[in-house]
Amino acid sequence: FSFITNLFIILGIFSKFGIEELTPREIPRLLDSSSDLKGLYIFAITRTIIFSIIVILFVYVISILYENFNFDFKSSISIIGIWFILRMIVELFSFFFQSINKTISSRLILSIFPPMISIILILINYNFNVFIISLKLIFQIIILSYFISFFIVILFSNPFYLKSKVTSKFQFNKWMKISFNFMILSGLFLFLSRVNPLILA
């Protein structure tokens, strides 16, 4: 479990592709331009989902080609893929909240509610022996905790400052170039912070 989570958090560098630095810079600047802001939201969400799927497919192909790859991982790849994509989306919304100075919501949606809900569900399962603990079950519990956290926070704190029926305006080339530059620095920092736990796992 530790190996998989650290591996995918490192691979998340390519899913986020610098979006964690792009959104805090661009969103405050675009608050007066709803069309550009809507375009940035759509760009960030769509690109994060597409890049996350590519990462999952890449890891899946590697696991097939490498025969000695852990069997539990191979049998759980679909649920791990859902967890990874959902984590990237939740992390992205955390960046959205952070960009509009909703720091509490940013922390709740990613760092507080999901682990808290996961621990509660795992303890309930442990005490009542509802399901046999397995790698797949742990990831299913975490997925559920992300869903609950996401809907609770979004319900009470809207991360979007948009007027209704606004036409999206995209600055695709500019956003890709800026986020690529950010990805190199933030990606290197994330890699160095996670490589030791990955090796230990």
C-alpha atoms as a PDB file:
ATOM      1  CA  PHE A   1       0.000   0.000   0.000  1.00  0.00           C
ATOM      2  CA  SER A   2       2.773   2.430   0.943  1.00  0.00           C
ATOM      3  CA  PHE A   3       4.698   1.625  -2.243  1.00  0.00           C
ATOM      4  CA  ILE A   4       1.646   2.142  -4.488  1.00  0.00           C
ATOM      5  CA  THR A   5       0.557   5.415  -2.881  1.00  0.00           C
ATOM      6  CA  ASN A   6       4.060   6.911  -2.996  1.00  0.00           C
ATOM      7  CA  LEU A   7       4.592   5.694  -6.564  1.00  0.00           C
ATOM      8  CA  PHE A   8       1.361   7.268  -7.800  1.00  0.00           C
ATOM      9  CA  ILE A   9       1.902  10.498  -5.868  1.00  0.00           C
ATOM     10  CA  ILE A  10       5.220  10.815  -7.728  1.00  0.00           C
ATOM     11  CA  LEU A  11       3.520   9.951 -11.035  1.00  0.00           C
ATOM     12  CA  GLY A  12       0.951  12.605 -10.156  1.00  0.00           C
ATOM     13  CA  ILE A  13       3.619  15.099 -11.269  1.00  0.00           C
ATOM     14  CA  PHE A  14       2.644  14.261 -14.846  1.00  0.00           C
ATOM     15  CA  SER A  15      -1.095  14.338 -14.123  1.00  0.00           C
ATOM     16  CA  LYS A  16      -0.986  17.773 -12.498  1.00  0.00           C
ATOM     17  CA  PHE A  17       1.647  19.033 -14.949  1.00  0.00           C
ATOM     18  CA  GLY A  18       2.310  22.192 -12.948  1.00  0.00           C
ATOM     19  CA  ILE A  19      -1.373  22.999 -12.377  1.00  0.00           C
ATOM     20  CA  GLU A  20      -0.734  23.399  -8.631  1.00  0.00           C
ATOM     21  CA  GLU A  21       1.374  26.470  -9.434  1.00  0.00           C
ATOM     22  CA  LEU A  22      -0.625  27.702 -12.431  1.00  0.00           C
ATOM     23  CA  THR A  23      -4.019  28.027 -10.693  1.00  0.00           C
ATOM     24  CA  PRO A  24      -2.898  30.199  -7.725  1.00  0.00           C
ATOM     25  CA  ARG A  25      -1.200  32.499 -10.211  1.00  0.00           C
ATOM     26  CA  GLU A  26      -3.897  32.726 -12.901  1.00  0.00           C
ATOM     27  CA  ILE A  27      -7.233  32.455 -11.023  1.00  0.00           C
ATOM     28  CA  PRO A  28      -6.869  35.671  -8.931  1.00  0.00           C
ATOM     29  CA  ARG A  29      -5.830  37.516 -12.094  1.00  0.00           C
ATOM     30  CA  LEU A  30      -8.864  36.234 -14.040  1.00  0.00           C
ATOM     31  CA  LEU A  31     -11.558  36.864 -11.408  1.00  0.00           C
ATOM     32  CA  ASP A  32     -12.819  39.880 -13.382  1.00  0.00           C
ATOM     33  CA  SER A  33     -12.953  37.893 -16.634  1.00  0.00           C
ATOM     34  CA  SER A  34     -15.544  35.126 -16.249  1.00  0.00           C
ATOM     35  CA  SER A  35     -15.022  33.713 -19.747  1.00  0.00           C
ATOM     36  CA  ASP A  36     -11.247  33.284 -19.242  1.00  0.00           C
ATOM     37  CA  LEU A  37     -11.807  31.949 -15.735  1.00  0.00           C
ATOM     38  CA  LYS A  38     -14.335  29.377 -16.919  1.00  0.00           C
ATOM     39  CA  GLY A  39     -11.919  28.376 -19.675  1.00  0.00           C
ATOM     40  CA  LEU A  40      -9.149  27.860 -17.120  1.00  0.00           C
ATOM     41  CA  TYR A  41     -11.390  25.707 -14.914  1.00  0.00           C
ATOM     42  CA  ILE A  42     -12.422  23.517 -17.852  1.00  0.00           C
ATOM     43  CA  PHE A  43      -8.815  23.343 -19.093  1.00  0.00           C
ATOM     44  CA  ALA A  44      -7.479  22.325 -15.666  1.00  0.00           C
ATOM     45  CA  ILE A  45     -10.139  19.685 -14.937  1.00  0.00           C
ATOM     46  CA  THR A  46     -10.112  18.145 -18.431  1.00  0.00           C
ATOM     47  CA  ARG A  47      -6.329  18.038 -18.710  1.00  0.00           C
ATOM     48  CA  THR A  48      -5.920  16.558 -15.226  1.00  0.00           C
ATOM     49  CA  ILE A  49      -8.389  13.741 -15.970  1.00  0.00           C
ATOM     50  CA  ILE A  50      -6.837  12.956 -19.387  1.00  0.00           C
ATOM     51  CA  PHE A  51      -3.254  12.986 -18.080  1.00  0.00           C
ATOM     52  CA  SER A  52      -4.273  10.835 -15.080  1.00  0.00           C
ATOM     53  CA  ILE A  53      -5.830   8.227 -17.392  1.00  0.00           C
ATOM     54  CA  ILE A  54      -2.633   8.200 -19.488  1.00  0.00           C
ATOM     55  CA  VAL A  55      -0.554   7.616 -16.334  1.00  0.00           C
ATOM     56  CA  ILE A  56      -2.809   4.736 -15.256  1.00  0.00           C
ATOM     57  CA  LEU A  57      -2.646   3.118 -18.712  1.00  0.00           C
ATOM     58  CA  PHE A  58       1.145   3.459 -18.715  1.00  0.00           C
ATOM     59  CA  VAL A  59       1.481   1.737 -15.333  1.00  0.00           C
ATOM     60  CA  TYR A  60      -1.001  -0.960 -16.415  1.00  0.00           C
ATOM     61  CA  VAL A  61       1.032  -1.749 -19.549  1.00  0.00           C
ATOM     62  CA  ILE A  62       4.249  -1.897 -17.501  1.00  0.00           C
ATOM     63  CA  SER A  63       2.602  -4.284 -15.009  1.00  0.00           C
ATOM     64  CA  ILE A  64       1.613  -6.610 -17.889  1.00  0.00           C
ATOM     65  CA  LEU A  65       5.046  -6.543 -19.528  1.00  0.00           C
ATOM     66  CA  TYR A  66       6.850  -7.126 -16.226  1.00  0.00           C
ATOM     67  CA  GLU A  67       5.823 -10.659 -15.203  1.00  0.00           C
ATOM     68  CA  ASN A  68       7.109 -10.425 -11.624  1.00  0.00           C
ATOM     69  CA  PHE A  69       4.961  -7.375 -10.850  1.00  0.00           C
ATOM     70  CA  ASN A  70       3.001  -7.771  -7.615  1.00  0.00           C
ATOM     71  CA  PHE A  71      -0.161  -9.840  -8.217  1.00  0.00           C
ATOM     72  CA  ASP A  72      -2.249  -7.860  -5.715  1.00  0.00           C
ATOM     73  CA  PHE A  73      -1.450  -4.727  -7.666  1.00  0.00           C
ATOM     74  CA  LYS A  74      -2.408  -6.301 -11.002  1.00  0.00           C
ATOM     75  CA  SER A  75      -5.733  -7.555  -9.654  1.00  0.00           C
ATOM     76  CA  SER A  76      -6.491  -4.157  -8.077  1.00  0.00           C
ATOM     77  CA  ILE A  77      -5.347  -1.894 -10.924  1.00  0.00           C
ATOM     78  CA  SER A  78      -8.879  -0.755 -11.855  1.00  0.00           C
ATOM     79  CA  ILE A  79      -9.765   0.346  -8.307  1.00  0.00           C
ATOM     80  CA  ILE A  80      -6.301   1.927  -7.894  1.00  0.00           C
ATOM     81  CA  GLY A  81      -6.873   3.797 -11.145  1.00  0.00           C
ATOM     82  CA  ILE A  82     -10.190   5.187  -9.878  1.00  0.00           C
ATOM     83  CA  TRP A  83      -8.500   6.195  -6.616  1.00  0.00           C
ATOM     84  CA  PHE A  84      -5.676   7.957  -8.475  1.00  0.00           C
ATOM     85  CA  ILE A  85      -7.964   9.915 -10.819  1.00  0.00           C
ATOM     86  CA  LEU A  86     -10.250  10.907  -7.948  1.00  0.00           C
ATOM     87  CA  ARG A  87      -7.285  11.972  -5.826  1.00  0.00           C
ATOM     88  CA  MET A  88      -5.976  14.161  -8.649  1.00  0.00           C
ATOM     89  CA  ILE A  89      -9.414  15.810  -9.022  1.00  0.00           C
ATOM     90  CA  VAL A  90      -9.740  16.404  -5.265  1.00  0.00           C
ATOM     91  CA  GLU A  91      -6.203  17.800  -5.187  1.00  0.00           C
ATOM     92  CA  LEU A  92      -7.070  20.079  -8.119  1.00  0.00           C
ATOM     93  CA  PHE A  93     -10.113  21.462  -6.290  1.00  0.00           C
ATOM     94  CA  SER A  94      -7.879  22.017  -3.277  1.00  0.00           C
ATOM     95  CA  PHE A  95      -5.761  24.253  -5.535  1.00  0.00           C
ATOM     96  CA  PHE A  96      -8.929  26.058  -6.696  1.00  0.00           C
ATOM     97  CA  PHE A  97      -9.902  26.845  -3.100  1.00  0.00           C
ATOM     98  CA  GLN A  98      -6.371  27.912  -2.263  1.00  0.00           C
ATOM     99  CA  SER A  99      -6.362  30.272  -5.259  1.00  0.00           C
ATOM    100  CA  ILE A 100      -9.388  32.189  -3.943  1.00  0.00           C
ATOM    101  CA  ASN A 101      -8.083  32.295  -0.340  1.00  0.00           C
ATOM    102  CA  LYS A 102     -10.427  29.599   0.983  1.00  0.00           C
ATOM    103  CA  THR A 103      -7.610  27.959   2.915  1.00  0.00           C
ATOM    104  CA  ILE A 104      -9.837  26.012   5.322  1.00  0.00           C
ATOM    105  CA  SER A 105     -11.831  24.446   2.481  1.00  0.00           C
ATOM    106  CA  SER A 106      -8.563  23.660   0.689  1.00  0.00           C
ATOM    107  CA  ARG A 107      -7.298  21.736   3.718  1.00  0.00           C
ATOM    108  CA  LEU A 108     -10.615  20.042   4.521  1.00  0.00           C
ATOM    109  CA  ILE A 109     -11.222  18.591   1.054  1.00  0.00           C
ATOM    110  CA  LEU A 110      -7.797  16.929   0.755  1.00  0.00           C
ATOM    111  CA  SER A 111      -5.851  16.739   4.010  1.00  0.00           C
ATOM    112  CA  ILE A 112      -8.455  16.466   6.792  1.00  0.00           C
ATOM    113  CA  PHE A 113     -11.750  14.858   5.756  1.00  0.00           C
ATOM    114  CA  PRO A 114     -10.433  11.968   3.574  1.00  0.00           C
ATOM    115  CA  PRO A 115      -7.954  10.510   6.126  1.00  0.00           C
ATOM    116  CA  MET A 116     -10.381  11.091   8.999  1.00  0.00           C
ATOM    117  CA  ILE A 117     -13.274   9.351   7.200  1.00  0.00           C
ATOM    118  CA  SER A 118     -10.966   6.519   6.053  1.00  0.00           C
ATOM    119  CA  ILE A 119      -9.754   5.843   9.600  1.00  0.00           C
ATOM    120  CA  ILE A 120     -13.333   5.779  10.925  1.00  0.00           C
ATOM    121  CA  LEU A 121     -14.490   3.356   8.198  1.00  0.00           C
ATOM    122  CA  ILE A 122     -11.463   1.066   8.666  1.00  0.00           C
ATOM    123  CA  LEU A 123     -12.014   0.965  12.455  1.00  0.00           C
ATOM    124  CA  ILE A 124     -15.719   0.169  11.965  1.00  0.00           C
ATOM    125  CA  ASN A 125     -14.826  -2.648   9.587  1.00  0.00           C
ATOM    126  CA  TYR A 126     -12.130  -3.932  11.956  1.00  0.00           C
ATOM    127  CA  ASN A 127     -14.434  -4.007  14.994  1.00  0.00           C
ATOM    128  CA  PHE A 128     -17.446  -5.538  13.252  1.00  0.00           C
ATOM    129  CA  ASN A 129     -15.565  -7.783  10.768  1.00  0.00           C
ATOM    130  CA  VAL A 130     -17.789  -6.665   7.887  1.00  0.00           C
ATOM    131  CA  PHE A 131     -15.185  -7.317   5.156  1.00  0.00           C
ATOM    132  CA  ILE A 132     -11.810  -9.045   5.007  1.00  0.00           C
ATOM    133  CA  ILE A 133      -9.039  -6.438   4.944  1.00  0.00           C
ATOM    134  CA  SER A 134      -7.293  -6.395   1.582  1.00  0.00           C
ATOM    135  CA  LEU A 135      -5.453  -3.937  -0.636  1.00  0.00           C
ATOM    136  CA  LYS A 136      -8.550  -3.489  -2.794  1.00  0.00           C
ATOM    137  CA  LEU A 137     -10.780  -2.836   0.240  1.00  0.00           C
ATOM    138  CA  ILE A 138      -8.431  -0.152   1.593  1.00  0.00           C
ATOM    139  CA  PHE A 139      -8.509   1.700  -1.721  1.00  0.00           C
ATOM    140  CA  GLN A 140     -12.301   1.333  -1.910  1.00  0.00           C
ATOM    141  CA  ILE A 141     -12.576   2.921   1.537  1.00  0.00           C
ATOM    142  CA  ILE A 142     -10.278   5.782   0.517  1.00  0.00           C
ATOM    143  CA  ILE A 143     -12.309   6.336  -2.673  1.00  0.00           C
ATOM    144  CA  LEU A 144     -15.491   6.550  -0.607  1.00  0.00           C
ATOM    145  CA  SER A 145     -13.832   9.007   1.784  1.00  0.00           C
ATOM    146  CA  TYR A 146     -12.781  11.226  -1.156  1.00  0.00           C
ATOM    147  CA  PHE A 147     -16.335  11.212  -2.526  1.00  0.00           C
ATOM    148  CA  ILE A 148     -17.821  12.139   0.861  1.00  0.00           C
ATOM    149  CA  SER A 149     -15.205  14.844   1.459  1.00  0.00           C
ATOM    150  CA  PHE A 150     -15.652  16.277  -2.029  1.00  0.00           C
ATOM    151  CA  PHE A 151     -19.431  16.619  -1.837  1.00  0.00           C
ATOM    152  CA  ILE A 152     -19.457  17.959   1.735  1.00  0.00           C
ATOM    153  CA  VAL A 153     -16.936  20.714   0.986  1.00  0.00           C
ATOM    154  CA  ILE A 154     -18.373  21.625  -2.438  1.00  0.00           C
ATOM    155  CA  LEU A 155     -21.878  21.757  -0.948  1.00  0.00           C
ATOM    156  CA  PHE A 156     -20.898  24.389   1.610  1.00  0.00           C
ATOM    157  CA  SER A 157     -18.102  26.198  -0.221  1.00  0.00           C
ATOM    158  CA  ASN A 158     -18.294  26.956  -3.933  1.00  0.00           C
ATOM    159  CA  PRO A 159     -14.825  27.179  -5.544  1.00  0.00           C
ATOM    160  CA  PHE A 160     -16.134  28.800  -8.727  1.00  0.00           C
ATOM    161  CA  TYR A 161     -16.724  32.529  -9.174  1.00  0.00           C
ATOM    162  CA  LEU A 162     -18.645  32.419 -12.443  1.00  0.00           C
ATOM    163  CA  LYS A 163     -21.680  34.131 -13.877  1.00  0.00           C
ATOM    164  CA  SER A 164     -24.316  31.897 -15.453  1.00  0.00           C
ATOM    165  CA  LYS A 165     -24.184  31.157 -19.206  1.00  0.00           C
ATOM    166  CA  VAL A 166     -20.661  32.461 -19.759  1.00  0.00           C
ATOM    167  CA  THR A 167     -18.818  31.432 -22.925  1.00  0.00           C
ATOM    168  CA  SER A 168     -15.507  29.739 -22.207  1.00  0.00           C
ATOM    169  CA  LYS A 169     -12.349  31.406 -23.465  1.00  0.00           C
ATOM    170  CA  PHE A 170      -9.156  29.390 -23.591  1.00  0.00           C
ATOM    171  CA  GLN A 171      -5.511  30.463 -23.538  1.00  0.00           C
ATOM    172  CA  PHE A 172      -4.322  26.929 -24.231  1.00  0.00           C
ATOM    173  CA  ASN A 173      -0.773  27.567 -25.460  1.00  0.00           C
ATOM    174  CA  LYS A 174      -0.037  30.075 -22.709  1.00  0.00           C
ATOM    175  CA  TRP A 175      -1.356  27.841 -19.913  1.00  0.00           C
ATOM    176  CA  MET A 176       0.480  24.773 -21.225  1.00  0.00           C
ATOM    177  CA  LYS A 177       3.770  26.666 -21.463  1.00  0.00           C
ATOM    178  CA  ILE A 178       3.488  28.210 -17.999  1.00  0.00           C
ATOM    179  CA  SER A 179       2.395  24.979 -16.325  1.00  0.00           C
ATOM    180  CA  PHE A 180       5.227  23.045 -18.008  1.00  0.00           C
ATOM    181  CA  ASN A 181       7.786  25.433 -16.524  1.00  0.00           C
ATOM    182  CA  PHE A 182       6.160  25.082 -13.104  1.00  0.00           C
ATOM    183  CA  MET A 183       6.050  21.277 -13.421  1.00  0.00           C
ATOM    184  CA  ILE A 184       9.826  20.995 -13.606  1.00  0.00           C
ATOM    185  CA  LEU A 185      10.408  22.771 -10.272  1.00  0.00           C
ATOM    186  CA  SER A 186       7.390  21.491  -8.318  1.00  0.00           C
ATOM    187  CA  GLY A 187       7.847  17.999  -9.779  1.00  0.00           C
ATOM    188  CA  LEU A 188      11.480  17.847  -8.697  1.00  0.00           C
ATOM    189  CA  PHE A 189      10.551  18.940  -5.174  1.00  0.00           C
ATOM    190  CA  LEU A 190       7.738  16.352  -4.945  1.00  0.00           C
ATOM    191  CA  PHE A 191       9.970  13.596  -6.317  1.00  0.00           C
ATOM    192  CA  LEU A 192      12.738  14.299  -3.797  1.00  0.00           C
ATOM    193  CA  SER A 193      10.226  14.378  -0.925  1.00  0.00           C
ATOM    194  CA  ARG A 194       8.656  11.025  -1.917  1.00  0.00           C
ATOM    195  CA  VAL A 195      11.545   8.979  -3.299  1.00  0.00           C
ATOM    196  CA  ASN A 196      12.832   7.878   0.142  1.00  0.00           C
ATOM    197  CA  PRO A 197       9.427   6.554   1.366  1.00  0.00           C
ATOM    198  CA  LEU A 198       9.059   4.821  -2.025  1.00  0.00           C
ATOM    199  CA  ILE A 199      12.438   3.078  -1.716  1.00  0.00           C
ATOM    200  CA  LEU A 200      11.728   2.065   1.890  1.00  0.00           C
ATOM    201  CA  ALA A 201       8.328   0.664   0.897  1.00  0.00           C
END
